[in-house]
Amino acid sequence: RNLTYHGIDRVVYVNAHGGNVEHLR
């Protein structure tokens, strides 16, 4: 949401840890 405040409206979570997957989704 910090990024959306500056005008970003699409984000790619570049993830390299399997334990993060379901939470990022």
mmCIF file of all heavy atoms, coordinates in Angstrom:
data_MODEL
# 
_entry.id   MODEL 
# 
loop_
_atom_site.group_PDB 
_atom_site.id 
_atom_site.type_symbol 
_atom_site.label_atom_id 
_atom_site.label_alt_id 
_atom_site.label_comp_id 
_atom_site.label_asym_id 
_atom_site.label_entity_id 
_atom_site.label_seq_id 
_atom_site.pdbx_PDB_ins_code 
_atom_site.Cartn_x 
_atom_site.Cartn_y 
_atom_site.Cartn_z 
_atom_site.occupancy 
_atom_site.B_iso_or_equiv 
_atom_site.pdbx_formal_charge 
_atom_site.auth_seq_id 
_atom_site.auth_comp_id 
_atom_site.auth_asym_id 
_atom_site.auth_atom_id 
_atom_site.pdbx_PDB_model_num 
ATOM 1   N N   . ARG A 1 1  ? 0.833  -1.210  0.000   1.00 0.00 ? 1  ARG A N   1 
ATOM 2   C CA  . ARG A 1 1  ? 0.000  0.000   0.000   1.00 0.00 ? 1  ARG A CA  1 
ATOM 3   C C   . ARG A 1 1  ? 0.870  1.265   0.000   1.00 0.00 ? 1  ARG A C   1 
ATOM 4   O O   . ARG A 1 1  ? 0.450  2.298   -0.523  1.00 0.00 ? 1  ARG A O   1 
ATOM 5   C CB  . ARG A 1 1  ? -0.945 -0.004  1.197   1.00 0.00 ? 1  ARG A CB  1 
ATOM 6   C CG  . ARG A 1 1  ? -2.106 -0.974  1.037   1.00 0.00 ? 1  ARG A CG  1 
ATOM 7   C CD  . ARG A 1 1  ? -3.286 -0.583  1.931   1.00 0.00 ? 1  ARG A CD  1 
ATOM 8   N NE  . ARG A 1 1  ? -4.479 -1.339  1.559   1.00 0.00 ? 1  ARG A NE  1 
ATOM 9   C CZ  . ARG A 1 1  ? -4.883 -2.437  2.165   1.00 0.00 ? 1  ARG A CZ  1 
ATOM 10  N NH1 . ARG A 1 1  ? -4.191 -2.912  3.185   1.00 0.00 ? 1  ARG A NH1 1 
ATOM 11  N NH2 . ARG A 1 1  ? -5.974 -3.063  1.765   1.00 0.00 ? 1  ARG A NH2 1 
ATOM 12  N N   . ASN A 1 2  ? 2.069  1.185   0.594   1.00 0.00 ? 2  ASN A N   1 
ATOM 13  C CA  . ASN A 1 2  ? 3.006  2.305   0.456   1.00 0.00 ? 2  ASN A CA  1 
ATOM 14  C C   . ASN A 1 2  ? 3.237  2.607   -1.014  1.00 0.00 ? 2  ASN A C   1 
ATOM 15  O O   . ASN A 1 2  ? 3.247  3.778   -1.439  1.00 0.00 ? 2  ASN A O   1 
ATOM 16  C CB  . ASN A 1 2  ? 4.364  1.978   1.071   1.00 0.00 ? 2  ASN A CB  1 
ATOM 17  C CG  . ASN A 1 2  ? 4.362  1.737   2.558   1.00 0.00 ? 2  ASN A CG  1 
ATOM 18  O OD1 . ASN A 1 2  ? 5.365  1.289   3.090   1.00 0.00 ? 2  ASN A OD1 1 
ATOM 19  N ND2 . ASN A 1 2  ? 3.281  2.011   3.245   1.00 0.00 ? 2  ASN A ND2 1 
ATOM 20  N N   . LEU A 1 3  ? 3.451  1.555   -1.789  1.00 0.00 ? 3  LEU A N   1 
ATOM 21  C CA  . LEU A 1 3  ? 3.724  1.732   -3.213  1.00 0.00 ? 3  LEU A CA  1 
ATOM 22  C C   . LEU A 1 3  ? 2.518  2.290   -3.955  1.00 0.00 ? 3  LEU A C   1 
ATOM 23  O O   . LEU A 1 3  ? 2.667  3.139   -4.851  1.00 0.00 ? 3  LEU A O   1 
ATOM 24  C CB  . LEU A 1 3  ? 4.163  0.396   -3.825  1.00 0.00 ? 3  LEU A CB  1 
ATOM 25  C CG  . LEU A 1 3  ? 5.485  -0.163  -3.319  1.00 0.00 ? 3  LEU A CG  1 
ATOM 26  C CD1 . LEU A 1 3  ? 5.682  -1.598  -3.807  1.00 0.00 ? 3  LEU A CD1 1 
ATOM 27  C CD2 . LEU A 1 3  ? 6.656  0.710   -3.757  1.00 0.00 ? 3  LEU A CD2 1 
ATOM 28  N N   . THR A 1 4  ? 1.321  1.837   -3.595  1.00 0.00 ? 4  THR A N   1 
ATOM 29  C CA  . THR A 1 4  ? 0.134  2.353   -4.286  1.00 0.00 ? 4  THR A CA  1 
ATOM 30  C C   . THR A 1 4  ? -0.053 3.840   -4.007  1.00 0.00 ? 4  THR A C   1 
ATOM 31  O O   . THR A 1 4  ? -0.571 4.579   -4.850  1.00 0.00 ? 4  THR A O   1 
ATOM 32  C CB  . THR A 1 4  ? -1.145 1.585   -3.887  1.00 0.00 ? 4  THR A CB  1 
ATOM 33  O OG1 . THR A 1 4  ? -1.455 1.814   -2.508  1.00 0.00 ? 4  THR A OG1 1 
ATOM 34  C CG2 . THR A 1 4  ? -0.983 0.097   -4.131  1.00 0.00 ? 4  THR A CG2 1 
ATOM 35  N N   . TYR A 1 5  ? 0.365  4.292   -2.846  1.00 0.00 ? 5  TYR A N   1 
ATOM 36  C CA  . TYR A 1 5  ? 0.278  5.720   -2.508  1.00 0.00 ? 5  TYR A CA  1 
ATOM 37  C C   . TYR A 1 5  ? 1.092  6.552   -3.500  1.00 0.00 ? 5  TYR A C   1 
ATOM 38  O O   . TYR A 1 5  ? 0.737  7.689   -3.810  1.00 0.00 ? 5  TYR A O   1 
ATOM 39  C CB  . TYR A 1 5  ? 0.790  5.928   -1.079  1.00 0.00 ? 5  TYR A CB  1 
ATOM 40  C CG  . TYR A 1 5  ? 0.783  7.365   -0.608  1.00 0.00 ? 5  TYR A CG  1 
ATOM 41  C CD1 . TYR A 1 5  ? -0.393 7.970   -0.165  1.00 0.00 ? 5  TYR A CD1 1 
ATOM 42  C CD2 . TYR A 1 5  ? 1.960  8.111   -0.604  1.00 0.00 ? 5  TYR A CD2 1 
ATOM 43  C CE1 . TYR A 1 5  ? -0.386 9.288   0.272   1.00 0.00 ? 5  TYR A CE1 1 
ATOM 44  C CE2 . TYR A 1 5  ? 1.967  9.428   -0.169  1.00 0.00 ? 5  TYR A CE2 1 
ATOM 45  C CZ  . TYR A 1 5  ? 0.797  10.019  0.272   1.00 0.00 ? 5  TYR A CZ  1 
ATOM 46  O OH  . TYR A 1 5  ? 0.796  11.324  0.704   1.00 0.00 ? 5  TYR A OH  1 
ATOM 47  N N   . HIS A 1 6  ? 2.179  5.983   -4.005  1.00 0.00 ? 6  HIS A N   1 
ATOM 48  C CA  . HIS A 1 6  ? 3.029  6.696   -4.958  1.00 0.00 ? 6  HIS A CA  1 
ATOM 49  C C   . HIS A 1 6  ? 2.626  6.453   -6.408  1.00 0.00 ? 6  HIS A C   1 
ATOM 50  O O   . HIS A 1 6  ? 3.289  6.961   -7.326  1.00 0.00 ? 6  HIS A O   1 
ATOM 51  C CB  . HIS A 1 6  ? 4.486  6.280   -4.767  1.00 0.00 ? 6  HIS A CB  1 
ATOM 52  C CG  . HIS A 1 6  ? 5.046  6.640   -3.433  1.00 0.00 ? 6  HIS A CG  1 
ATOM 53  N ND1 . HIS A 1 6  ? 5.200  7.944   -3.004  1.00 0.00 ? 6  HIS A ND1 1 
ATOM 54  C CD2 . HIS A 1 6  ? 5.477  5.870   -2.404  1.00 0.00 ? 6  HIS A CD2 1 
ATOM 55  C CE1 . HIS A 1 6  ? 5.709  7.964   -1.788  1.00 0.00 ? 6  HIS A CE1 1 
ATOM 56  N NE2 . HIS A 1 6  ? 5.881  6.716   -1.400  1.00 0.00 ? 6  HIS A NE2 1 
ATOM 57  N N   . GLY A 1 7  ? 1.593  5.654   -6.626  1.00 0.00 ? 7  GLY A N   1 
ATOM 58  C CA  . GLY A 1 7  ? 1.086  5.466   -7.978  1.00 0.00 ? 7  GLY A CA  1 
ATOM 59  C C   . GLY A 1 7  ? 1.309  4.096   -8.573  1.00 0.00 ? 7  GLY A C   1 
ATOM 60  O O   . GLY A 1 7  ? 0.891  3.828   -9.704  1.00 0.00 ? 7  GLY A O   1 
ATOM 61  N N   . ILE A 1 8  ? 1.950  3.188   -7.831  1.00 0.00 ? 8  ILE A N   1 
ATOM 62  C CA  . ILE A 1 8  ? 2.118  1.817   -8.312  1.00 0.00 ? 8  ILE A CA  1 
ATOM 63  C C   . ILE A 1 8  ? 0.781  1.088   -8.179  1.00 0.00 ? 8  ILE A C   1 
ATOM 64  O O   . ILE A 1 8  ? 0.140  1.134   -7.128  1.00 0.00 ? 8  ILE A O   1 
ATOM 65  C CB  . ILE A 1 8  ? 3.198  1.085   -7.496  1.00 0.00 ? 8  ILE A CB  1 
ATOM 66  C CG1 . ILE A 1 8  ? 4.562  1.757   -7.678  1.00 0.00 ? 8  ILE A CG1 1 
ATOM 67  C CG2 . ILE A 1 8  ? 3.261  -0.394  -7.873  1.00 0.00 ? 8  ILE A CG2 1 
ATOM 68  C CD1 . ILE A 1 8  ? 5.103  1.738   -9.077  1.00 0.00 ? 8  ILE A CD1 1 
ATOM 69  N N   . ASP A 1 9  ? 0.357  0.400   -9.235  1.00 0.00 ? 9  ASP A N   1 
ATOM 70  C CA  . ASP A 1 9  ? -0.897 -0.344  -9.130  1.00 0.00 ? 9  ASP A CA  1 
ATOM 71  C C   . ASP A 1 9  ? -0.753 -1.806  -9.534  1.00 0.00 ? 9  ASP A C   1 
ATOM 72  O O   . ASP A 1 9  ? -1.732 -2.549  -9.555  1.00 0.00 ? 9  ASP A O   1 
ATOM 73  C CB  . ASP A 1 9  ? -2.021 0.319   -9.936  1.00 0.00 ? 9  ASP A CB  1 
ATOM 74  C CG  . ASP A 1 9  ? -1.734 0.397   -11.431 1.00 0.00 ? 9  ASP A CG  1 
ATOM 75  O OD1 . ASP A 1 9  ? -0.864 -0.355  -11.925 1.00 0.00 ? 9  ASP A OD1 1 
ATOM 76  O OD2 . ASP A 1 9  ? -2.378 1.221   -12.104 1.00 0.00 ? 9  ASP A OD2 1 
ATOM 77  N N   . ARG A 1 10 ? 0.475  -2.232  -9.835  1.00 0.00 ? 10 ARG A N   1 
ATOM 78  C CA  . ARG A 1 10 ? 0.726  -3.643  -10.095 1.00 0.00 ? 10 ARG A CA  1 
ATOM 79  C C   . ARG A 1 10 ? 2.106  -4.001  -9.539  1.00 0.00 ? 10 ARG A C   1 
ATOM 80  O O   . ARG A 1 10 ? 3.070  -3.244  -9.699  1.00 0.00 ? 10 ARG A O   1 
ATOM 81  C CB  . ARG A 1 10 ? 0.575  -3.977  -11.577 1.00 0.00 ? 10 ARG A CB  1 
ATOM 82  C CG  . ARG A 1 10 ? 1.447  -3.207  -12.512 1.00 0.00 ? 10 ARG A CG  1 
ATOM 83  C CD  . ARG A 1 10 ? 0.833  -3.093  -13.899 1.00 0.00 ? 10 ARG A CD  1 
ATOM 84  N NE  . ARG A 1 10 ? -0.227 -2.101  -13.918 1.00 0.00 ? 10 ARG A NE  1 
ATOM 85  C CZ  . ARG A 1 10 ? -1.078 -1.926  -14.923 1.00 0.00 ? 10 ARG A CZ  1 
ATOM 86  N NH1 . ARG A 1 10 ? -1.003 -2.681  -16.006 1.00 0.00 ? 10 ARG A NH1 1 
ATOM 87  N NH2 . ARG A 1 10 ? -2.019 -1.002  -14.865 1.00 0.00 ? 10 ARG A NH2 1 
ATOM 88  N N   . VAL A 1 11 ? 2.153  -5.159  -8.872  1.00 0.00 ? 11 VAL A N   1 
ATOM 89  C CA  . VAL A 1 11 ? 3.350  -5.569  -8.138  1.00 0.00 ? 11 VAL A CA  1 
ATOM 90  C C   . VAL A 1 11 ? 3.632  -7.031  -8.426  1.00 0.00 ? 11 VAL A C   1 
ATOM 91  O O   . VAL A 1 11 ? 2.707  -7.854  -8.460  1.00 0.00 ? 11 VAL A O   1 
ATOM 92  C CB  . VAL A 1 11 ? 3.150  -5.363  -6.617  1.00 0.00 ? 11 VAL A CB  1 
ATOM 93  C CG1 . VAL A 1 11 ? 4.304  -5.967  -5.822  1.00 0.00 ? 11 VAL A CG1 1 
ATOM 94  C CG2 . VAL A 1 11 ? 2.988  -3.877  -6.285  1.00 0.00 ? 11 VAL A CG2 1 
ATOM 95  N N   . VAL A 1 12 ? 4.905  -7.343  -8.624  1.00 0.00 ? 12 VAL A N   1 
ATOM 96  C CA  . VAL A 1 12 ? 5.336  -8.738  -8.698  1.00 0.00 ? 12 VAL A CA  1 
ATOM 97  C C   . VAL A 1 12 ? 6.129  -9.039  -7.436  1.00 0.00 ? 12 VAL A C   1 
ATOM 98  O O   . VAL A 1 12 ? 7.173  -8.422  -7.185  1.00 0.00 ? 12 VAL A O   1 
ATOM 99  C CB  . VAL A 1 12 ? 6.203  -9.011  -9.943  1.00 0.00 ? 12 VAL A CB  1 
ATOM 100 C CG1 . VAL A 1 12 ? 6.636  -10.475 -9.964  1.00 0.00 ? 12 VAL A CG1 1 
ATOM 101 C CG2 . VAL A 1 12 ? 5.433  -8.670  -11.215 1.00 0.00 ? 12 VAL A CG2 1 
ATOM 102 N N   . TYR A 1 13 ? 5.609  -9.966  -6.625  1.00 0.00 ? 13 TYR A N   1 
ATOM 103 C CA  . TYR A 1 13 ? 6.347  -10.443 -5.465  1.00 0.00 ? 13 TYR A CA  1 
ATOM 104 C C   . TYR A 1 13 ? 7.348  -11.488 -5.959  1.00 0.00 ? 13 TYR A C   1 
ATOM 105 O O   . TYR A 1 13 ? 6.968  -12.621 -6.285  1.00 0.00 ? 13 TYR A O   1 
ATOM 106 C CB  . TYR A 1 13 ? 5.403  -11.066 -4.440  1.00 0.00 ? 13 TYR A CB  1 
ATOM 107 C CG  . TYR A 1 13 ? 4.409  -10.106 -3.832  1.00 0.00 ? 13 TYR A CG  1 
ATOM 108 C CD1 . TYR A 1 13 ? 3.054  -10.424 -3.777  1.00 0.00 ? 13 TYR A CD1 1 
ATOM 109 C CD2 . TYR A 1 13 ? 4.828  -8.896  -3.301  1.00 0.00 ? 13 TYR A CD2 1 
ATOM 110 C CE1 . TYR A 1 13 ? 2.142  -9.558  -3.211  1.00 0.00 ? 13 TYR A CE1 1 
ATOM 111 C CE2 . TYR A 1 13 ? 3.913  -8.006  -2.741  1.00 0.00 ? 13 TYR A CE2 1 
ATOM 112 C CZ  . TYR A 1 13 ? 2.564  -8.344  -2.693  1.00 0.00 ? 13 TYR A CZ  1 
ATOM 113 O OH  . TYR A 1 13 ? 1.665  -7.477  -2.132  1.00 0.00 ? 13 TYR A OH  1 
ATOM 114 N N   . VAL A 1 14 ? 8.606  -11.105 -6.048  1.00 0.00 ? 14 VAL A N   1 
ATOM 115 C CA  . VAL A 1 14 ? 9.655  -12.007 -6.522  1.00 0.00 ? 14 VAL A CA  1 
ATOM 116 C C   . VAL A 1 14 ? 10.100 -12.829 -5.315  1.00 0.00 ? 14 VAL A C   1 
ATOM 117 O O   . VAL A 1 14 ? 10.889 -12.391 -4.493  1.00 0.00 ? 14 VAL A O   1 
ATOM 118 C CB  . VAL A 1 14 ? 10.823 -11.218 -7.139  1.00 0.00 ? 14 VAL A CB  1 
ATOM 119 C CG1 . VAL A 1 14 ? 11.893 -12.175 -7.654  1.00 0.00 ? 14 VAL A CG1 1 
ATOM 120 C CG2 . VAL A 1 14 ? 10.313 -10.334 -8.275  1.00 0.00 ? 14 VAL A CG2 1 
ATOM 121 N N   . ASN A 1 15 ? 9.578  -14.032 -5.233  1.00 0.00 ? 15 ASN A N   1 
ATOM 122 C CA  . ASN A 1 15 ? 9.663  -14.839 -4.019  1.00 0.00 ? 15 ASN A CA  1 
ATOM 123 C C   . ASN A 1 15 ? 10.611 -16.028 -4.230  1.00 0.00 ? 15 ASN A C   1 
ATOM 124 O O   . ASN A 1 15 ? 10.639 -16.629 -5.294  1.00 0.00 ? 15 ASN A O   1 
ATOM 125 C CB  . ASN A 1 15 ? 8.266  -15.358 -3.654  1.00 0.00 ? 15 ASN A CB  1 
ATOM 126 C CG  . ASN A 1 15 ? 8.278  -16.241 -2.434  1.00 0.00 ? 15 ASN A CG  1 
ATOM 127 O OD1 . ASN A 1 15 ? 8.953  -15.966 -1.447  1.00 0.00 ? 15 ASN A OD1 1 
ATOM 128 N ND2 . ASN A 1 15 ? 7.527  -17.319 -2.503  1.00 0.00 ? 15 ASN A ND2 1 
ATOM 129 N N   . ALA A 1 16 ? 11.384 -16.341 -3.192  1.00 0.00 ? 16 ALA A N   1 
ATOM 130 C CA  . ALA A 1 16 ? 12.272 -17.499 -3.289  1.00 0.00 ? 16 ALA A CA  1 
ATOM 131 C C   . ALA A 1 16 ? 12.163 -18.391 -2.059  1.00 0.00 ? 16 ALA A C   1 
ATOM 132 O O   . ALA A 1 16 ? 13.067 -19.161 -1.767  1.00 0.00 ? 16 ALA A O   1 
ATOM 133 C CB  . ALA A 1 16 ? 13.718 -17.044 -3.485  1.00 0.00 ? 16 ALA A CB  1 
ATOM 134 N N   . HIS A 1 17 ? 11.033 -18.298 -1.340  1.00 0.00 ? 17 HIS A N   1 
ATOM 135 C CA  . HIS A 1 17 ? 10.833 -19.137 -0.160  1.00 0.00 ? 17 HIS A CA  1 
ATOM 136 C C   . HIS A 1 17 ? 9.435  -19.756 -0.218  1.00 0.00 ? 17 HIS A C   1 
ATOM 137 O O   . HIS A 1 17 ? 8.432  -19.040 -0.242  1.00 0.00 ? 17 HIS A O   1 
ATOM 138 C CB  . HIS A 1 17 ? 10.983 -18.305 1.111   1.00 0.00 ? 17 HIS A CB  1 
ATOM 139 C CG  . HIS A 1 17 ? 10.629 -19.036 2.367   1.00 0.00 ? 17 HIS A CG  1 
ATOM 140 N ND1 . HIS A 1 17 ? 11.158 -20.279 2.678   1.00 0.00 ? 17 HIS A ND1 1 
ATOM 141 C CD2 . HIS A 1 17 ? 9.790  -18.717 3.391   1.00 0.00 ? 17 HIS A CD2 1 
ATOM 142 C CE1 . HIS A 1 17 ? 10.660 -20.685 3.837   1.00 0.00 ? 17 HIS A CE1 1 
ATOM 143 N NE2 . HIS A 1 17 ? 9.836  -19.757 4.284   1.00 0.00 ? 17 HIS A NE2 1 
ATOM 144 N N   . GLY A 1 18 ? 9.405  -21.087 -0.235  1.00 0.00 ? 18 GLY A N   1 
ATOM 145 C CA  . GLY A 1 18 ? 8.125  -21.776 -0.356  1.00 0.00 ? 18 GLY A CA  1 
ATOM 146 C C   . GLY A 1 18 ? 7.153  -21.451 0.755   1.00 0.00 ? 18 GLY A C   1 
ATOM 147 O O   . GLY A 1 18 ? 5.937  -21.426 0.543   1.00 0.00 ? 18 GLY A O   1 
ATOM 148 N N   . GLY A 1 19 ? 7.659  -21.179 1.957   1.00 0.00 ? 19 GLY A N   1 
ATOM 149 C CA  . GLY A 1 19 ? 6.779  -20.872 3.081   1.00 0.00 ? 19 GLY A CA  1 
ATOM 150 C C   . GLY A 1 19 ? 6.031  -19.565 2.944   1.00 0.00 ? 19 GLY A C   1 
ATOM 151 O O   . GLY A 1 19 ? 5.057  -19.321 3.678   1.00 0.00 ? 19 GLY A O   1 
ATOM 152 N N   . ASN A 1 20 ? 6.449  -18.724 2.008   1.00 0.00 ? 20 ASN A N   1 
ATOM 153 C CA  . ASN A 1 20 ? 5.776  -17.439 1.797   1.00 0.00 ? 20 ASN A CA  1 
ATOM 154 C C   . ASN A 1 20 ? 4.625  -17.521 0.806   1.00 0.00 ? 20 ASN A C   1 
ATOM 155 O O   . ASN A 1 20 ? 3.794  -16.608 0.749   1.00 0.00 ? 20 ASN A O   1 
ATOM 156 C CB  . ASN A 1 20 ? 6.765  -16.395 1.255   1.00 0.00 ? 20 ASN A CB  1 
ATOM 157 C CG  . ASN A 1 20 ? 7.845  -16.010 2.233   1.00 0.00 ? 20 ASN A CG  1 
ATOM 158 O OD1 . ASN A 1 20 ? 7.719  -16.213 3.442   1.00 0.00 ? 20 ASN A OD1 1 
ATOM 159 N ND2 . ASN A 1 20 ? 8.924  -15.436 1.724   1.00 0.00 ? 20 ASN A ND2 1 
ATOM 160 N N   . VAL A 1 21 ? 4.574  -18.572 0.004   1.00 0.00 ? 21 VAL A N   1 
ATOM 161 C CA  . VAL A 1 21 ? 3.704  -18.588 -1.178  1.00 0.00 ? 21 VAL A CA  1 
ATOM 162 C C   . VAL A 1 21 ? 2.247  -18.334 -0.825  1.00 0.00 ? 21 VAL A C   1 
ATOM 163 O O   . VAL A 1 21 ? 1.607  -17.411 -1.357  1.00 0.00 ? 21 VAL A O   1 
ATOM 164 C CB  . VAL A 1 21 ? 3.846  -19.917 -1.951  1.00 0.00 ? 21 VAL A CB  1 
ATOM 165 C CG1 . VAL A 1 21 ? 2.806  -19.994 -3.054  1.00 0.00 ? 21 VAL A CG1 1 
ATOM 166 C CG2 . VAL A 1 21 ? 5.245  -20.049 -2.533  1.00 0.00 ? 21 VAL A CG2 1 
ATOM 167 N N   . GLU A 1 22 ? 1.683  -19.145 0.052   1.00 0.00 ? 22 GLU A N   1 
ATOM 168 C CA  . GLU A 1 22 ? 0.246  -19.015 0.327   1.00 0.00 ? 22 GLU A CA  1 
ATOM 169 C C   . GLU A 1 22 ? -0.090 -17.673 0.945   1.00 0.00 ? 22 GLU A C   1 
ATOM 170 O O   . GLU A 1 22 ? -1.185 -17.128 0.730   1.00 0.00 ? 22 GLU A O   1 
ATOM 171 C CB  . GLU A 1 22 ? -0.224 -20.150 1.243   1.00 0.00 ? 22 GLU A CB  1 
ATOM 172 C CG  . GLU A 1 22 ? 0.405  -20.157 2.616   1.00 0.00 ? 22 GLU A CG  1 
ATOM 173 C CD  . GLU A 1 22 ? -0.053 -21.349 3.447   1.00 0.00 ? 22 GLU A CD  1 
ATOM 174 O OE1 . GLU A 1 22 ? -1.229 -21.383 3.835   1.00 0.00 ? 22 GLU A OE1 1 
ATOM 175 O OE2 . GLU A 1 22 ? 0.782  -22.238 3.691   1.00 0.00 ? 22 GLU A OE2 1 
ATOM 176 N N   . HIS A 1 23 ? 0.850  -17.098 1.685   1.00 0.00 ? 23 HIS A N   1 
ATOM 177 C CA  . HIS A 1 23 ? 0.592  -15.818 2.348   1.00 0.00 ? 23 HIS A CA  1 
ATOM 178 C C   . HIS A 1 23 ? 0.667  -14.653 1.363   1.00 0.00 ? 23 HIS A C   1 
ATOM 179 O O   . HIS A 1 23 ? -0.116 -13.705 1.457   1.00 0.00 ? 23 HIS A O   1 
ATOM 180 C CB  . HIS A 1 23 ? 1.572  -15.647 3.503   1.00 0.00 ? 23 HIS A CB  1 
ATOM 181 C CG  . HIS A 1 23 ? 1.575  -16.834 4.417   1.00 0.00 ? 23 HIS A CG  1 
ATOM 182 N ND1 . HIS A 1 23 ? 0.481  -17.163 5.199   1.00 0.00 ? 23 HIS A ND1 1 
ATOM 183 C CD2 . HIS A 1 23 ? 2.489  -17.809 4.628   1.00 0.00 ? 23 HIS A CD2 1 
ATOM 184 C CE1 . HIS A 1 23 ? 0.742  -18.269 5.862   1.00 0.00 ? 23 HIS A CE1 1 
ATOM 185 N NE2 . HIS A 1 23 ? 1.943  -18.678 5.532   1.00 0.00 ? 23 HIS A NE2 1 
ATOM 186 N N   . LEU A 1 24 ? 1.563  -14.738 0.402   1.00 0.00 ? 24 LEU A N   1 
ATOM 187 C CA  . LEU A 1 24 ? 1.615  -13.719 -0.642  1.00 0.00 ? 24 LEU A CA  1 
ATOM 188 C C   . LEU A 1 24 ? 0.387  -13.793 -1.536  1.00 0.00 ? 24 LEU A C   1 
ATOM 189 O O   . LEU A 1 24 ? -0.136 -12.760 -1.977  1.00 0.00 ? 24 LEU A O   1 
ATOM 190 C CB  . LEU A 1 24 ? 2.894  -13.887 -1.470  1.00 0.00 ? 24 LEU A CB  1 
ATOM 191 C CG  . LEU A 1 24 ? 4.198  -13.637 -0.708  1.00 0.00 ? 24 LEU A CG  1 
ATOM 192 C CD1 . LEU A 1 24 ? 5.394  -13.998 -1.582  1.00 0.00 ? 24 LEU A CD1 1 
ATOM 193 C CD2 . LEU A 1 24 ? 4.292  -12.203 -0.230  1.00 0.00 ? 24 LEU A CD2 1 
ATOM 194 N N   . ARG A 1 25 ? -0.083 -14.993 -1.794  1.00 0.00 ? 25 ARG A N   1 
ATOM 195 C CA  . ARG A 1 25 ? -1.323 -15.133 -2.558  1.00 0.00 ? 25 ARG A CA  1 
ATOM 196 C C   . ARG A 1 25 ? -2.501 -14.502 -1.816  1.00 0.00 ? 25 ARG A C   1 
ATOM 197 O O   . ARG A 1 25 ? -3.365 -13.871 -2.421  1.00 0.00 ? 25 ARG A O   1 
ATOM 198 C CB  . ARG A 1 25 ? -1.604 -16.609 -2.828  1.00 0.00 ? 25 ARG A CB  1 
ATOM 199 C CG  . ARG A 1 25 ? -0.659 -17.268 -3.810  1.00 0.00 ? 25 ARG A CG  1 
ATOM 200 C CD  . ARG A 1 25 ? -0.927 -16.837 -5.230  1.00 0.00 ? 25 ARG A CD  1 
ATOM 201 N NE  . ARG A 1 25 ? -2.284 -17.181 -5.667  1.00 0.00 ? 25 ARG A NE  1 
ATOM 202 C CZ  . ARG A 1 25 ? -2.847 -16.744 -6.792  1.00 0.00 ? 25 ARG A CZ  1 
ATOM 203 N NH1 . ARG A 1 25 ? -2.157 -15.940 -7.592  1.00 0.00 ? 25 ARG A NH1 1 
ATOM 204 N NH2 . ARG A 1 25 ? -4.063 -17.106 -7.129  1.00 0.00 ? 25 ARG A NH2 1 
# 
